[in-house]
C-alpha cells in the first residue's frame, strides 16, 4: 500500500489479502484438520 497511488488500489490490496486469509482458514476447517475456533485464533494473532 505504501507503493500505491490511489485509495482504490490500496483498498484492493487489503481486500485481496483478507480474502486469501479467510479462504485459507476455511479450507483448514473443510479438510477437517482444524476446529473453526483454531482458525479464528490464528487469524487474530496473525492480524
ModelCIF file with pLDDT and N, C-alpha, C, O atoms, coordinates in Angstrom:
data_MODEL
#
_entry.id   MODEL 
#
_entity.id                         1 
_entity.type                       polymer 
_entity.pdbx_number_of_molecules   1 
#
_entity_poly.entity_id                      1 
_entity_poly.type                           'polypeptide(L)' 
_entity_poly.nstd_linkage                   no 
_entity_poly.nstd_monomer                   no 
_entity_poly.pdbx_seq_one_letter_code       
;(UNK)(UNK)(UNK)(UNK)(UNK)(UNK)(UNK)(UNK)(UNK)(UNK)(UNK)(UNK)(UNK)(UNK)(UNK)(UNK)
(UNK)(UNK)(UNK)(UNK)(UNK)(UNK)(UNK)(UNK)(UNK)(UNK)(UNK)(UNK)(UNK)(UNK)(UNK)(UNK)
(UNK)(UNK)(UNK)(UNK)(UNK)(UNK)(UNK)(UNK)(UNK)(UNK)(UNK)(UNK)(UNK)(UNK)(UNK)
;
_entity_poly.pdbx_seq_one_letter_code_can   XXXXXXXXXXXXXXXXXXXXXXXXXXXXXXXXXXXXXXXXXXXXXXX 
_entity_poly.pdbx_strand_id                 A 
#
loop_
_entity_poly_seq.entity_id 
_entity_poly_seq.num 
_entity_poly_seq.mon_id 
_entity_poly_seq.hetero 
1 1  UNK n 
1 2  UNK n 
1 3  UNK n 
1 4  UNK n 
1 5  UNK n 
1 6  UNK n 
1 7  UNK n 
1 8  UNK n 
1 9  UNK n 
1 10 UNK n 
1 11 UNK n 
1 12 UNK n 
1 13 UNK n 
1 14 UNK n 
1 15 UNK n 
1 16 UNK n 
1 17 UNK n 
1 18 UNK n 
1 19 UNK n 
1 20 UNK n 
1 21 UNK n 
1 22 UNK n 
1 23 UNK n 
1 24 UNK n 
1 25 UNK n 
1 26 UNK n 
1 27 UNK n 
1 28 UNK n 
1 29 UNK n 
1 30 UNK n 
1 31 UNK n 
1 32 UNK n 
1 33 UNK n 
1 34 UNK n 
1 35 UNK n 
1 36 UNK n 
1 37 UNK n 
1 38 UNK n 
1 39 UNK n 
1 40 UNK n 
1 41 UNK n 
1 42 UNK n 
1 43 UNK n 
1 44 UNK n 
1 45 UNK n 
1 46 UNK n 
1 47 UNK n 
#
_struct_asym.id          A 
_struct_asym.entity_id   1 
#
loop_
_ma_qa_metric.id 
_ma_qa_metric.mode 
_ma_qa_metric.name 
_ma_qa_metric.software_group_id 
_ma_qa_metric.type 
1 global pLDDT . pLDDT 
2 local  pLDDT . pLDDT 
#
_ma_qa_metric_global.metric_id      1 
_ma_qa_metric_global.metric_value   94.77 
_ma_qa_metric_global.model_id       1 
_ma_qa_metric_global.ordinal_id     1 
#
loop_
_ma_qa_metric_local.label_asym_id 
_ma_qa_metric_local.label_comp_id 
_ma_qa_metric_local.label_seq_id 
_ma_qa_metric_local.metric_id 
_ma_qa_metric_local.metric_value 
_ma_qa_metric_local.model_id 
_ma_qa_metric_local.ordinal_id 
A UNK 1  2 92.00 1 1  
A UNK 2  2 89.00 1 2  
A UNK 3  2 90.00 1 3  
A UNK 4  2 88.00 1 4  
A UNK 5  2 83.00 1 5  
A UNK 6  2 85.00 1 6  
A UNK 7  2 84.00 1 7  
A UNK 8  2 91.00 1 8  
A UNK 9  2 91.00 1 9  
A UNK 10 2 91.00 1 10 
A UNK 11 2 92.00 1 11 
A UNK 12 2 95.00 1 12 
A UNK 13 2 95.00 1 13 
A UNK 14 2 95.00 1 14 
A UNK 15 2 96.00 1 15 
A UNK 16 2 96.00 1 16 
A UNK 17 2 97.00 1 17 
A UNK 18 2 97.00 1 18 
A UNK 19 2 97.00 1 19 
A UNK 20 2 97.00 1 20 
A UNK 21 2 97.00 1 21 
A UNK 22 2 97.00 1 22 
A UNK 23 2 97.00 1 23 
A UNK 24 2 97.00 1 24 
A UNK 25 2 97.00 1 25 
A UNK 26 2 97.00 1 26 
A UNK 27 2 97.00 1 27 
A UNK 28 2 97.00 1 28 
A UNK 29 2 97.00 1 29 
A UNK 30 2 97.00 1 30 
A UNK 31 2 96.00 1 31 
A UNK 32 2 94.00 1 32 
A UNK 33 2 96.00 1 33 
A UNK 34 2 96.00 1 34 
A UNK 35 2 96.00 1 35 
A UNK 36 2 97.00 1 36 
A UNK 37 2 96.00 1 37 
A UNK 38 2 97.00 1 38 
A UNK 39 2 97.00 1 39 
A UNK 40 2 97.00 1 40 
A UNK 41 2 97.00 1 41 
A UNK 42 2 97.00 1 42 
A UNK 43 2 98.00 1 43 
A UNK 44 2 98.00 1 44 
A UNK 45 2 97.00 1 45 
A UNK 46 2 97.00 1 46 
A UNK 47 2 97.00 1 47 
#
loop_
_atom_site.group_PDB 
_atom_site.id 
_atom_site.type_symbol 
_atom_site.label_atom_id 
_atom_site.label_alt_id 
_atom_site.label_comp_id 
_atom_site.label_asym_id 
_atom_site.label_entity_id 
_atom_site.label_seq_id 
_atom_site.pdbx_PDB_ins_code 
_atom_site.Cartn_x 
_atom_site.Cartn_y 
_atom_site.Cartn_z 
_atom_site.occupancy 
_atom_site.B_iso_or_equiv 
_atom_site.pdbx_formal_charge 
_atom_site.auth_seq_id 
_atom_site.auth_comp_id 
_atom_site.auth_asym_id 
_atom_site.auth_atom_id 
_atom_site.pdbx_PDB_model_num 
ATOM 1   N N  . UNK A 1 1  ? 0.830   -1.208  0.000  1.00 92.00 ? 1  UNK A N  1 
ATOM 2   C CA . UNK A 1 1  ? 0.000   0.000   0.000  1.00 92.00 ? 1  UNK A CA 1 
ATOM 3   C C  . UNK A 1 1  ? 0.860   1.252   0.000  1.00 92.00 ? 1  UNK A C  1 
ATOM 4   O O  . UNK A 1 1  ? 0.438   2.298   -0.494 1.00 92.00 ? 1  UNK A O  1 
ATOM 5   N N  . UNK A 1 2  ? 2.061   1.152   0.551  1.00 89.00 ? 2  UNK A N  1 
ATOM 6   C CA . UNK A 1 2  ? 2.954   2.313   0.590  1.00 89.00 ? 2  UNK A CA 1 
ATOM 7   C C  . UNK A 1 2  ? 3.483   2.666   -0.795 1.00 89.00 ? 2  UNK A C  1 
ATOM 8   O O  . UNK A 1 2  ? 4.011   3.760   -0.995 1.00 89.00 ? 2  UNK A O  1 
ATOM 9   N N  . UNK A 1 3  ? 3.347   1.746   -1.755 1.00 90.00 ? 3  UNK A N  1 
ATOM 10  C CA . UNK A 1 3  ? 3.821   1.968   -3.117 1.00 90.00 ? 3  UNK A CA 1 
ATOM 11  C C  . UNK A 1 3  ? 2.693   2.309   -4.085 1.00 90.00 ? 3  UNK A C  1 
ATOM 12  O O  . UNK A 1 3  ? 2.942   2.604   -5.254 1.00 90.00 ? 3  UNK A O  1 
ATOM 13  N N  . UNK A 1 4  ? 1.469   2.268   -3.605 1.00 88.00 ? 4  UNK A N  1 
ATOM 14  C CA . UNK A 1 4  ? 0.322   2.501   -4.479 1.00 88.00 ? 4  UNK A CA 1 
ATOM 15  C C  . UNK A 1 4  ? -0.133  3.945   -4.371 1.00 88.00 ? 4  UNK A C  1 
ATOM 16  O O  . UNK A 1 4  ? 0.089   4.605   -3.356 1.00 88.00 ? 4  UNK A O  1 
ATOM 17  N N  . UNK A 1 5  ? -0.773  4.430   -5.428 1.00 83.00 ? 5  UNK A N  1 
ATOM 18  C CA . UNK A 1 5  ? -1.026  5.867   -5.533 1.00 83.00 ? 5  UNK A CA 1 
ATOM 19  C C  . UNK A 1 5  ? -2.472  6.273   -5.286 1.00 83.00 ? 5  UNK A C  1 
ATOM 20  O O  . UNK A 1 5  ? -2.744  7.458   -5.093 1.00 83.00 ? 5  UNK A O  1 
ATOM 21  N N  . UNK A 1 6  ? -3.420  5.317   -5.285 1.00 85.00 ? 6  UNK A N  1 
ATOM 22  C CA . UNK A 1 6  ? -4.813  5.674   -5.082 1.00 85.00 ? 6  UNK A CA 1 
ATOM 23  C C  . UNK A 1 6  ? -5.411  4.854   -3.944 1.00 85.00 ? 6  UNK A C  1 
ATOM 24  O O  . UNK A 1 6  ? -4.933  3.767   -3.622 1.00 85.00 ? 6  UNK A O  1 
ATOM 25  N N  . UNK A 1 7  ? -6.455  5.392   -3.352 1.00 84.00 ? 7  UNK A N  1 
ATOM 26  C CA . UNK A 1 7  ? -7.148  4.688   -2.269 1.00 84.00 ? 7  UNK A CA 1 
ATOM 27  C C  . UNK A 1 7  ? -7.773  3.392   -2.764 1.00 84.00 ? 7  UNK A C  1 
ATOM 28  O O  . UNK A 1 7  ? -7.816  2.404   -2.031 1.00 84.00 ? 7  UNK A O  1 
ATOM 29  N N  . UNK A 1 8  ? -8.258  3.389   -4.004 1.00 91.00 ? 8  UNK A N  1 
ATOM 30  C CA . UNK A 1 8  ? -8.861  2.174   -4.558 1.00 91.00 ? 8  UNK A CA 1 
ATOM 31  C C  . UNK A 1 8  ? -7.830  1.056   -4.678 1.00 91.00 ? 8  UNK A C  1 
ATOM 32  O O  . UNK A 1 8  ? -8.122  -0.099  -4.370 1.00 91.00 ? 8  UNK A O  1 
ATOM 33  N N  . UNK A 1 9  ? -6.634  1.399   -5.123 1.00 91.00 ? 9  UNK A N  1 
ATOM 34  C CA . UNK A 1 9  ? -5.586  0.396   -5.227 1.00 91.00 ? 9  UNK A CA 1 
ATOM 35  C C  . UNK A 1 9  ? -5.218  -0.168  -3.858 1.00 91.00 ? 9  UNK A C  1 
ATOM 36  O O  . UNK A 1 9  ? -5.056  -1.378  -3.696 1.00 91.00 ? 9  UNK A O  1 
ATOM 37  N N  . UNK A 1 10 ? -5.088  0.724   -2.875 1.00 91.00 ? 10 UNK A N  1 
ATOM 38  C CA . UNK A 1 10 ? -4.729  0.267   -1.535 1.00 91.00 ? 10 UNK A CA 1 
ATOM 39  C C  . UNK A 1 10 ? -5.839  -0.586  -0.929 1.00 91.00 ? 10 UNK A C  1 
ATOM 40  O O  . UNK A 1 10 ? -5.562  -1.606  -0.299 1.00 91.00 ? 10 UNK A O  1 
ATOM 41  N N  . UNK A 1 11 ? -7.101  -0.172  -1.116 1.00 92.00 ? 11 UNK A N  1 
ATOM 42  C CA . UNK A 1 11 ? -8.217  -0.960  -0.603 1.00 92.00 ? 11 UNK A CA 1 
ATOM 43  C C  . UNK A 1 11 ? -8.261  -2.336  -1.263 1.00 92.00 ? 11 UNK A C  1 
ATOM 44  O O  . UNK A 1 11 ? -8.550  -3.334  -0.603 1.00 92.00 ? 11 UNK A O  1 
ATOM 45  N N  . UNK A 1 12 ? -7.978  -2.388  -2.552 1.00 95.00 ? 12 UNK A N  1 
ATOM 46  C CA . UNK A 1 12 ? -7.981  -3.664  -3.264 1.00 95.00 ? 12 UNK A CA 1 
ATOM 47  C C  . UNK A 1 12 ? -6.922  -4.605  -2.717 1.00 95.00 ? 12 UNK A C  1 
ATOM 48  O O  . UNK A 1 12 ? -7.153  -5.809  -2.603 1.00 95.00 ? 12 UNK A O  1 
ATOM 49  N N  . UNK A 1 13 ? -5.764  -4.061  -2.381 1.00 95.00 ? 13 UNK A N  1 
ATOM 50  C CA . UNK A 1 13 ? -4.694  -4.887  -1.806 1.00 95.00 ? 13 UNK A CA 1 
ATOM 51  C C  . UNK A 1 13 ? -5.135  -5.496  -0.487 1.00 95.00 ? 13 UNK A C  1 
ATOM 52  O O  . UNK A 1 13 ? -4.877  -6.673  -0.231 1.00 95.00 ? 13 UNK A O  1 
ATOM 53  N N  . UNK A 1 14 ? -5.798  -4.708  0.356  1.00 95.00 ? 14 UNK A N  1 
ATOM 54  C CA . UNK A 1 14 ? -6.253  -5.222  1.654  1.00 95.00 ? 14 UNK A CA 1 
ATOM 55  C C  . UNK A 1 14 ? -7.388  -6.228  1.494  1.00 95.00 ? 14 UNK A C  1 
ATOM 56  O O  . UNK A 1 14 ? -7.427  -7.235  2.201  1.00 95.00 ? 14 UNK A O  1 
ATOM 57  N N  . UNK A 1 15 ? -8.308  -5.962  0.573  1.00 96.00 ? 15 UNK A N  1 
ATOM 58  C CA . UNK A 1 15 ? -9.413  -6.904  0.341  1.00 96.00 ? 15 UNK A CA 1 
ATOM 59  C C  . UNK A 1 15 ? -8.866  -8.237  -0.157 1.00 96.00 ? 15 UNK A C  1 
ATOM 60  O O  . UNK A 1 15 ? -9.313  -9.297  0.280  1.00 96.00 ? 15 UNK A O  1 
ATOM 61  N N  . UNK A 1 16 ? -7.905  -8.182  -1.066 1.00 96.00 ? 16 UNK A N  1 
ATOM 62  C CA . UNK A 1 16 ? -7.317  -9.412  -1.584 1.00 96.00 ? 16 UNK A CA 1 
ATOM 63  C C  . UNK A 1 16 ? -6.627  -10.188 -0.463 1.00 96.00 ? 16 UNK A C  1 
ATOM 64  O O  . UNK A 1 16 ? -6.816  -11.398 -0.341 1.00 96.00 ? 16 UNK A O  1 
ATOM 65  N N  . UNK A 1 17 ? -5.827  -9.501  0.356  1.00 97.00 ? 17 UNK A N  1 
ATOM 66  C CA . UNK A 1 17 ? -5.105  -10.164 1.448  1.00 97.00 ? 17 UNK A CA 1 
ATOM 67  C C  . UNK A 1 17 ? -6.083  -10.783 2.445  1.00 97.00 ? 17 UNK A C  1 
ATOM 68  O O  . UNK A 1 17 ? -5.892  -11.917 2.885  1.00 97.00 ? 17 UNK A O  1 
ATOM 69  N N  . UNK A 1 18 ? -7.124  -10.041 2.799  1.00 97.00 ? 18 UNK A N  1 
ATOM 70  C CA . UNK A 1 18 ? -8.113  -10.561 3.749  1.00 97.00 ? 18 UNK A CA 1 
ATOM 71  C C  . UNK A 1 18 ? -8.862  -11.756 3.169  1.00 97.00 ? 18 UNK A C  1 
ATOM 72  O O  . UNK A 1 18 ? -9.155  -12.715 3.881  1.00 97.00 ? 18 UNK A O  1 
ATOM 73  N N  . UNK A 1 19 ? -9.169  -11.696 1.877  1.00 97.00 ? 19 UNK A N  1 
ATOM 74  C CA . UNK A 1 19 ? -9.884  -12.802 1.228  1.00 97.00 ? 19 UNK A CA 1 
ATOM 75  C C  . UNK A 1 19 ? -9.047  -14.073 1.226  1.00 97.00 ? 19 UNK A C  1 
ATOM 76  O O  . UNK A 1 19 ? -9.554  -15.156 1.519  1.00 97.00 ? 19 UNK A O  1 
ATOM 77  N N  . UNK A 1 20 ? -7.771  -13.942 0.897  1.00 97.00 ? 20 UNK A N  1 
ATOM 78  C CA . UNK A 1 20 ? -6.887  -15.113 0.911  1.00 97.00 ? 20 UNK A CA 1 
ATOM 79  C C  . UNK A 1 20 ? -6.807  -15.700 2.319  1.00 97.00 ? 20 UNK A C  1 
ATOM 80  O O  . UNK A 1 20 ? -6.863  -16.918 2.492  1.00 97.00 ? 20 UNK A O  1 
ATOM 81  N N  . UNK A 1 21 ? -6.677  -14.835 3.317  1.00 97.00 ? 21 UNK A N  1 
ATOM 82  C CA . UNK A 1 21 ? -6.591  -15.291 4.707  1.00 97.00 ? 21 UNK A CA 1 
ATOM 83  C C  . UNK A 1 21 ? -7.831  -16.075 5.107  1.00 97.00 ? 21 UNK A C  1 
ATOM 84  O O  . UNK A 1 21 ? -7.726  -17.157 5.686  1.00 97.00 ? 21 UNK A O  1 
ATOM 85  N N  . UNK A 1 22 ? -9.007  -15.534 4.799  1.00 97.00 ? 22 UNK A N  1 
ATOM 86  C CA . UNK A 1 22 ? -10.256 -16.203 5.163  1.00 97.00 ? 22 UNK A CA 1 
ATOM 87  C C  . UNK A 1 22 ? -10.412 -17.526 4.425  1.00 97.00 ? 22 UNK A C  1 
ATOM 88  O O  . UNK A 1 22 ? -10.848 -18.514 5.015  1.00 97.00 ? 22 UNK A O  1 
ATOM 89  N N  . UNK A 1 23 ? -10.062 -17.557 3.146  1.00 97.00 ? 23 UNK A N  1 
ATOM 90  C CA . UNK A 1 23 ? -10.204 -18.784 2.361  1.00 97.00 ? 23 UNK A CA 1 
ATOM 91  C C  . UNK A 1 23 ? -9.235  -19.868 2.826  1.00 97.00 ? 23 UNK A C  1 
ATOM 92  O O  . UNK A 1 23 ? -9.589  -21.047 2.854  1.00 97.00 ? 23 UNK A O  1 
ATOM 93  N N  . UNK A 1 24 ? -8.029  -19.478 3.185  1.00 97.00 ? 24 UNK A N  1 
ATOM 94  C CA . UNK A 1 24 ? -7.083  -20.463 3.728  1.00 97.00 ? 24 UNK A CA 1 
ATOM 95  C C  . UNK A 1 24 ? -7.646  -21.050 5.025  1.00 97.00 ? 24 UNK A C  1 
ATOM 96  O O  . UNK A 1 24 ? -7.627  -22.265 5.223  1.00 97.00 ? 24 UNK A O  1 
ATOM 97  N N  . UNK A 1 25 ? -8.147  -20.176 5.909  1.00 97.00 ? 25 UNK A N  1 
ATOM 98  C CA . UNK A 1 25 ? -8.728  -20.664 7.152  1.00 97.00 ? 25 UNK A CA 1 
ATOM 99  C C  . UNK A 1 25 ? -9.921  -21.581 6.918  1.00 97.00 ? 25 UNK A C  1 
ATOM 100 O O  . UNK A 1 25 ? -10.043 -22.621 7.566  1.00 97.00 ? 25 UNK A O  1 
ATOM 101 N N  . UNK A 1 26 ? -10.799 -21.201 5.997  1.00 97.00 ? 26 UNK A N  1 
ATOM 102 C CA . UNK A 1 26 ? -11.964 -22.028 5.692  1.00 97.00 ? 26 UNK A CA 1 
ATOM 103 C C  . UNK A 1 26 ? -11.546 -23.387 5.142  1.00 97.00 ? 26 UNK A C  1 
ATOM 104 O O  . UNK A 1 26 ? -12.185 -24.398 5.434  1.00 97.00 ? 26 UNK A O  1 
ATOM 105 N N  . UNK A 1 27 ? -10.479 -23.416 4.349  1.00 97.00 ? 27 UNK A N  1 
ATOM 106 C CA . UNK A 1 27 ? -10.012 -24.689 3.791  1.00 97.00 ? 27 UNK A CA 1 
ATOM 107 C C  . UNK A 1 27 ? -9.530  -25.634 4.885  1.00 97.00 ? 27 UNK A C  1 
ATOM 108 O O  . UNK A 1 27 ? -9.687  -26.849 4.765  1.00 97.00 ? 27 UNK A O  1 
ATOM 109 N N  . UNK A 1 28 ? -8.942  -25.089 5.957  1.00 97.00 ? 28 UNK A N  1 
ATOM 110 C CA . UNK A 1 28 ? -8.466  -25.937 7.053  1.00 97.00 ? 28 UNK A CA 1 
ATOM 111 C C  . UNK A 1 28 ? -9.637  -26.597 7.782  1.00 97.00 ? 28 UNK A C  1 
ATOM 112 O O  . UNK A 1 28 ? -9.553  -27.755 8.191  1.00 97.00 ? 28 UNK A O  1 
ATOM 113 N N  . UNK A 1 29 ? -10.730 -25.845 7.939  1.00 97.00 ? 29 UNK A N  1 
ATOM 114 C CA . UNK A 1 29 ? -11.922 -26.427 8.554  1.00 97.00 ? 29 UNK A CA 1 
ATOM 115 C C  . UNK A 1 29 ? -12.548 -27.454 7.610  1.00 97.00 ? 29 UNK A C  1 
ATOM 116 O O  . UNK A 1 29 ? -12.933 -28.542 8.039  1.00 97.00 ? 29 UNK A O  1 
ATOM 117 N N  . UNK A 1 30 ? -12.648 -27.110 6.336  1.00 97.00 ? 30 UNK A N  1 
ATOM 118 C CA . UNK A 1 30 ? -13.244 -28.025 5.355  1.00 97.00 ? 30 UNK A CA 1 
ATOM 119 C C  . UNK A 1 30 ? -12.489 -29.354 5.311  1.00 97.00 ? 30 UNK A C  1 
ATOM 120 O O  . UNK A 1 30 ? -13.103 -30.416 5.211  1.00 97.00 ? 30 UNK A O  1 
ATOM 121 N N  . UNK A 1 31 ? -11.178 -29.295 5.386  1.00 96.00 ? 31 UNK A N  1 
ATOM 122 C CA . UNK A 1 31 ? -10.375 -30.519 5.334  1.00 96.00 ? 31 UNK A CA 1 
ATOM 123 C C  . UNK A 1 31 ? -10.456 -31.326 6.622  1.00 96.00 ? 31 UNK A C  1 
ATOM 124 O O  . UNK A 1 31 ? -9.960  -32.451 6.683  1.00 96.00 ? 31 UNK A O  1 
ATOM 125 N N  . UNK A 1 32 ? -11.076 -30.760 7.651  1.00 94.00 ? 32 UNK A N  1 
ATOM 126 C CA . UNK A 1 32 ? -11.272 -31.492 8.899  1.00 94.00 ? 32 UNK A CA 1 
ATOM 127 C C  . UNK A 1 32 ? -10.072 -31.513 9.819  1.00 94.00 ? 32 UNK A C  1 
ATOM 128 O O  . UNK A 1 32 ? -10.041 -32.297 10.768 1.00 94.00 ? 32 UNK A O  1 
ATOM 129 N N  . UNK A 1 33 ? -9.074  -30.665 9.563  1.00 96.00 ? 33 UNK A N  1 
ATOM 130 C CA . UNK A 1 33 ? -7.852  -30.697 10.365 1.00 96.00 ? 33 UNK A CA 1 
ATOM 131 C C  . UNK A 1 33 ? -7.832  -29.629 11.451 1.00 96.00 ? 33 UNK A C  1 
ATOM 132 O O  . UNK A 1 33 ? -6.916  -29.598 12.273 1.00 96.00 ? 33 UNK A O  1 
ATOM 133 N N  . UNK A 1 34 ? -8.848  -28.741 11.459 1.00 96.00 ? 34 UNK A N  1 
ATOM 134 C CA . UNK A 1 34 ? -8.925  -27.702 12.479 1.00 96.00 ? 34 UNK A CA 1 
ATOM 135 C C  . UNK A 1 34 ? -10.367 -27.437 12.874 1.00 96.00 ? 34 UNK A C  1 
ATOM 136 O O  . UNK A 1 34 ? -11.288 -27.550 12.065 1.00 96.00 ? 34 UNK A O  1 
ATOM 137 N N  . UNK A 1 35 ? -10.538 -27.080 14.142 1.00 96.00 ? 35 UNK A N  1 
ATOM 138 C CA . UNK A 1 35 ? -11.804 -26.512 14.592 1.00 96.00 ? 35 UNK A CA 1 
ATOM 139 C C  . UNK A 1 35 ? -11.904 -25.082 14.059 1.00 96.00 ? 35 UNK A C  1 
ATOM 140 O O  . UNK A 1 35 ? -10.878 -24.438 13.839 1.00 96.00 ? 35 UNK A O  1 
ATOM 141 N N  . UNK A 1 36 ? -13.119 -24.577 13.849 1.00 97.00 ? 36 UNK A N  1 
ATOM 142 C CA . UNK A 1 36 ? -13.255 -23.167 13.480 1.00 97.00 ? 36 UNK A CA 1 
ATOM 143 C C  . UNK A 1 36 ? -12.593 -22.217 14.477 1.00 97.00 ? 36 UNK A C  1 
ATOM 144 O O  . UNK A 1 36 ? -12.019 -21.204 14.076 1.00 97.00 ? 36 UNK A O  1 
ATOM 145 N N  . UNK A 1 37 ? -12.665 -22.533 15.766 1.00 96.00 ? 37 UNK A N  1 
ATOM 146 C CA . UNK A 1 37 ? -12.030 -21.663 16.761 1.00 96.00 ? 37 UNK A CA 1 
ATOM 147 C C  . UNK A 1 37 ? -10.512 -21.646 16.623 1.00 96.00 ? 37 UNK A C  1 
ATOM 148 O O  . UNK A 1 37 ? -9.879  -20.648 16.968 1.00 96.00 ? 37 UNK A O  1 
ATOM 149 N N  . UNK A 1 38 ? -9.911  -22.734 16.125 1.00 97.00 ? 38 UNK A N  1 
ATOM 150 C CA . UNK A 1 38 ? -8.474  -22.725 15.831 1.00 97.00 ? 38 UNK A CA 1 
ATOM 151 C C  . UNK A 1 38 ? -8.149  -21.676 14.776 1.00 97.00 ? 38 UNK A C  1 
ATOM 152 O O  . UNK A 1 38 ? -7.183  -20.923 14.892 1.00 97.00 ? 38 UNK A O  1 
ATOM 153 N N  . UNK A 1 39 ? -8.986  -21.652 13.744 1.00 97.00 ? 39 UNK A N  1 
ATOM 154 C CA . UNK A 1 39 ? -8.781  -20.725 12.627 1.00 97.00 ? 39 UNK A CA 1 
ATOM 155 C C  . UNK A 1 39 ? -8.976  -19.278 13.086 1.00 97.00 ? 39 UNK A C  1 
ATOM 156 O O  . UNK A 1 39 ? -8.180  -18.399 12.754 1.00 97.00 ? 39 UNK A O  1 
ATOM 157 N N  . UNK A 1 40 ? -10.035 -19.045 13.848 1.00 97.00 ? 40 UNK A N  1 
ATOM 158 C CA . UNK A 1 40 ? -10.279 -17.686 14.351 1.00 97.00 ? 40 UNK A CA 1 
ATOM 159 C C  . UNK A 1 40 ? -9.104  -17.218 15.197 1.00 97.00 ? 40 UNK A C  1 
ATOM 160 O O  . UNK A 1 40 ? -8.657  -16.078 15.067 1.00 97.00 ? 40 UNK A O  1 
ATOM 161 N N  . UNK A 1 41 ? -8.603  -18.094 16.063 1.00 97.00 ? 41 UNK A N  1 
ATOM 162 C CA . UNK A 1 41 ? -7.460  -17.738 16.909 1.00 97.00 ? 41 UNK A CA 1 
ATOM 163 C C  . UNK A 1 41 ? -6.239  -17.402 16.069 1.00 97.00 ? 41 UNK A C  1 
ATOM 164 O O  . UNK A 1 41 ? -5.540  -16.431 16.354 1.00 97.00 ? 41 UNK A O  1 
ATOM 165 N N  . UNK A 1 42 ? -5.975  -18.194 15.038 1.00 97.00 ? 42 UNK A N  1 
ATOM 166 C CA . UNK A 1 42 ? -4.826  -17.931 14.180 1.00 97.00 ? 42 UNK A CA 1 
ATOM 167 C C  . UNK A 1 42 ? -4.932  -16.600 13.464 1.00 97.00 ? 42 UNK A C  1 
ATOM 168 O O  . UNK A 1 42 ? -3.947  -15.869 13.357 1.00 97.00 ? 42 UNK A O  1 
ATOM 169 N N  . UNK A 1 43 ? -6.123  -16.278 12.970 1.00 98.00 ? 43 UNK A N  1 
ATOM 170 C CA . UNK A 1 43 ? -6.327  -15.007 12.272 1.00 98.00 ? 43 UNK A CA 1 
ATOM 171 C C  . UNK A 1 43 ? -6.147  -13.837 13.237 1.00 98.00 ? 43 UNK A C  1 
ATOM 172 O O  . UNK A 1 43 ? -5.571  -12.814 12.868 1.00 98.00 ? 43 UNK A O  1 
ATOM 173 N N  . UNK A 1 44 ? -6.635  -13.981 14.463 1.00 98.00 ? 44 UNK A N  1 
ATOM 174 C CA . UNK A 1 44 ? -6.490  -12.907 15.451 1.00 98.00 ? 44 UNK A CA 1 
ATOM 175 C C  . UNK A 1 44 ? -5.021  -12.631 15.761 1.00 98.00 ? 44 UNK A C  1 
ATOM 176 O O  . UNK A 1 44 ? -4.593  -11.477 15.782 1.00 98.00 ? 44 UNK A O  1 
ATOM 177 N N  . UNK A 1 45 ? -4.254  -13.688 16.000 1.00 97.00 ? 45 UNK A N  1 
ATOM 178 C CA . UNK A 1 45 ? -2.837  -13.499 16.334 1.00 97.00 ? 45 UNK A CA 1 
ATOM 179 C C  . UNK A 1 45 ? -2.060  -12.971 15.127 1.00 97.00 ? 45 UNK A C  1 
ATOM 180 O O  . UNK A 1 45 ? -1.258  -12.047 15.258 1.00 97.00 ? 45 UNK A O  1 
ATOM 181 N N  . UNK A 1 46 ? -2.298  -13.556 13.960 1.00 97.00 ? 46 UNK A N  1 
ATOM 182 C CA . UNK A 1 46 ? -1.604  -13.086 12.764 1.00 97.00 ? 46 UNK A CA 1 
ATOM 183 C C  . UNK A 1 46 ? -1.969  -11.664 12.399 1.00 97.00 ? 46 UNK A C  1 
ATOM 184 O O  . UNK A 1 46 ? -1.113  -10.888 11.975 1.00 97.00 ? 46 UNK A O  1 
ATOM 185 N N  . UNK A 1 47 ? -3.248  -11.315 12.562 1.00 97.00 ? 47 UNK A N  1 
ATOM 186 C CA . UNK A 1 47 ? -3.662  -9.939  12.298 1.00 97.00 ? 47 UNK A CA 1 
ATOM 187 C C  . UNK A 1 47 ? -3.010  -8.959  13.249 1.00 97.00 ? 47 UNK A C  1 
ATOM 188 O O  . UNK A 1 47 ? -3.255  -7.756  13.160 1.00 97.00 ? 47 UNK A O  1 
#
